[in-house]
Amino acid sequence: MKELEILDPTAEQEATHWSLAAPLEAGRAIRVGLLDITKPRGELFLDELEQRLVAHGHTVERYRKVTMTRPAVDELVGEMVRACEASVVALAD
């Protein structure tokens, strides 16, 4: 499995290494979670993405952090993991 190096813009001193998830089965409708981290204009990106996903037959669940200044709480992340097969986080300014 491939690895992806993610550079954290916070005070992390070393890169975090994540393994990529297996690709989703092509042509199969899935439930996608869209997380709005409450940064300006993030909802505009997610609105457009939701329209495109639904047009391709996917189901979309929308989630929203309380504030952009804190990480998503474990309960929210857990809910997304349980309910969705894929997730997108909107980062915008």
Protein backbone atom coordinates (compact mmCIF):
# COMPACT_ATOMS: atom_id res chain seq x y z
CA MET A 1 0.00 0.00 0.00
CA LYS A 2 1.25 3.49 -0.85
CA GLU A 3 2.09 6.03 1.84
CA LEU A 4 1.22 9.68 1.78
CA GLU A 5 3.32 12.28 3.54
CA ILE A 6 1.12 14.96 5.09
CA LEU A 7 2.70 18.17 6.29
CA ASP A 8 0.78 19.54 9.24
CA PRO A 9 0.59 23.37 9.25
CA THR A 10 0.48 23.42 13.04
CA ALA A 11 3.50 23.19 15.34
CA GLU A 12 4.35 19.58 14.44
CA GLN A 13 8.09 19.05 14.08
CA GLU A 14 7.96 15.86 11.99
CA ALA A 15 5.80 14.77 9.08
CA THR A 16 2.96 12.37 9.78
CA HIS A 17 2.84 9.21 7.66
CA TRP A 18 -0.52 7.77 6.68
CA SER A 19 -1.31 4.73 4.61
CA LEU A 20 -3.73 5.37 1.78
CA ALA A 21 -7.08 3.60 1.93
CA ALA A 22 -7.86 1.02 -0.71
CA PRO A 23 -9.60 2.55 -3.73
CA LEU A 24 -13.38 2.47 -3.71
CA GLU A 25 -15.10 0.16 -6.16
CA ALA A 26 -15.72 2.05 -9.41
CA GLY A 27 -19.33 2.48 -10.48
CA ARG A 28 -20.82 1.74 -7.05
CA ALA A 29 -22.79 4.44 -5.24
CA ILE A 30 -21.42 5.23 -1.79
CA ARG A 31 -22.19 7.46 1.21
CA VAL A 32 -19.76 10.38 1.35
CA GLY A 33 -19.27 12.56 4.42
CA LEU A 34 -18.50 16.22 3.81
CA LEU A 35 -16.94 18.04 6.76
CA ASP A 36 -17.14 21.82 6.86
CA ILE A 37 -14.40 23.05 9.19
CA THR A 38 -16.12 26.49 9.30
CA LYS A 39 -13.44 28.43 7.44
CA PRO A 40 -14.76 31.14 5.12
CA ARG A 41 -16.17 29.86 1.81
CA GLY A 42 -15.71 26.19 2.70
CA GLU A 43 -19.47 25.64 2.47
CA LEU A 44 -19.43 26.94 -1.13
CA PHE A 45 -16.94 24.24 -2.11
CA LEU A 46 -18.95 21.58 -0.29
CA ASP A 47 -22.25 22.70 -1.85
CA GLU A 48 -20.78 22.29 -5.34
CA LEU A 49 -19.14 18.97 -4.47
CA GLU A 50 -22.40 17.66 -2.99
CA GLN A 51 -24.30 18.51 -6.19
CA ARG A 52 -21.73 16.66 -8.28
CA LEU A 53 -21.66 13.61 -6.01
CA VAL A 54 -25.46 13.36 -5.92
CA ALA A 55 -25.58 13.73 -9.71
CA HIS A 56 -23.37 10.63 -9.89
CA GLY A 57 -25.71 8.65 -7.62
CA HIS A 58 -23.89 8.99 -4.32
CA THR A 59 -25.47 9.83 -0.97
CA VAL A 60 -24.02 12.78 0.94
CA GLU A 61 -23.96 13.41 4.68
CA ARG A 62 -22.95 16.90 5.81
CA TYR A 63 -21.01 17.53 9.01
CA ARG A 64 -19.75 20.76 10.56
CA LYS A 65 -17.16 21.55 13.20
CA VAL A 66 -18.21 23.96 15.93
CA THR A 67 -15.15 26.14 15.35
CA MET A 68 -12.23 26.23 12.94
CA THR A 69 -9.83 26.90 15.81
CA ARG A 70 -10.06 23.38 17.26
CA PRO A 71 -9.76 19.89 15.79
CA ALA A 72 -12.95 17.97 15.09
CA VAL A 73 -14.11 16.25 18.28
CA ASP A 74 -13.70 12.48 18.45
CA GLU A 75 -17.48 11.96 18.50
CA LEU A 76 -17.89 13.80 15.19
CA VAL A 77 -15.06 11.90 13.54
CA GLY A 78 -16.44 8.61 14.88
CA GLU A 79 -19.89 9.40 13.52
CA MET A 80 -18.43 10.08 10.09
CA VAL A 81 -16.39 6.87 10.14
CA ARG A 82 -19.44 4.81 11.08
CA ALA A 83 -21.83 6.44 8.61
CA CYS A 84 -19.67 7.04 5.53
CA GLU A 85 -17.44 5.09 3.18
CA ALA A 86 -15.44 8.17 2.18
CA SER A 87 -14.95 11.67 3.58
CA VAL A 88 -13.94 15.09 2.29
CA VAL A 89 -12.79 17.93 4.49
CA ALA A 90 -13.28 21.46 3.13
CA LEU A 91 -10.27 23.70 3.64
CA ALA A 92 -10.80 27.15 2.18
CA ASP A 93 -10.13 30.82 2.82
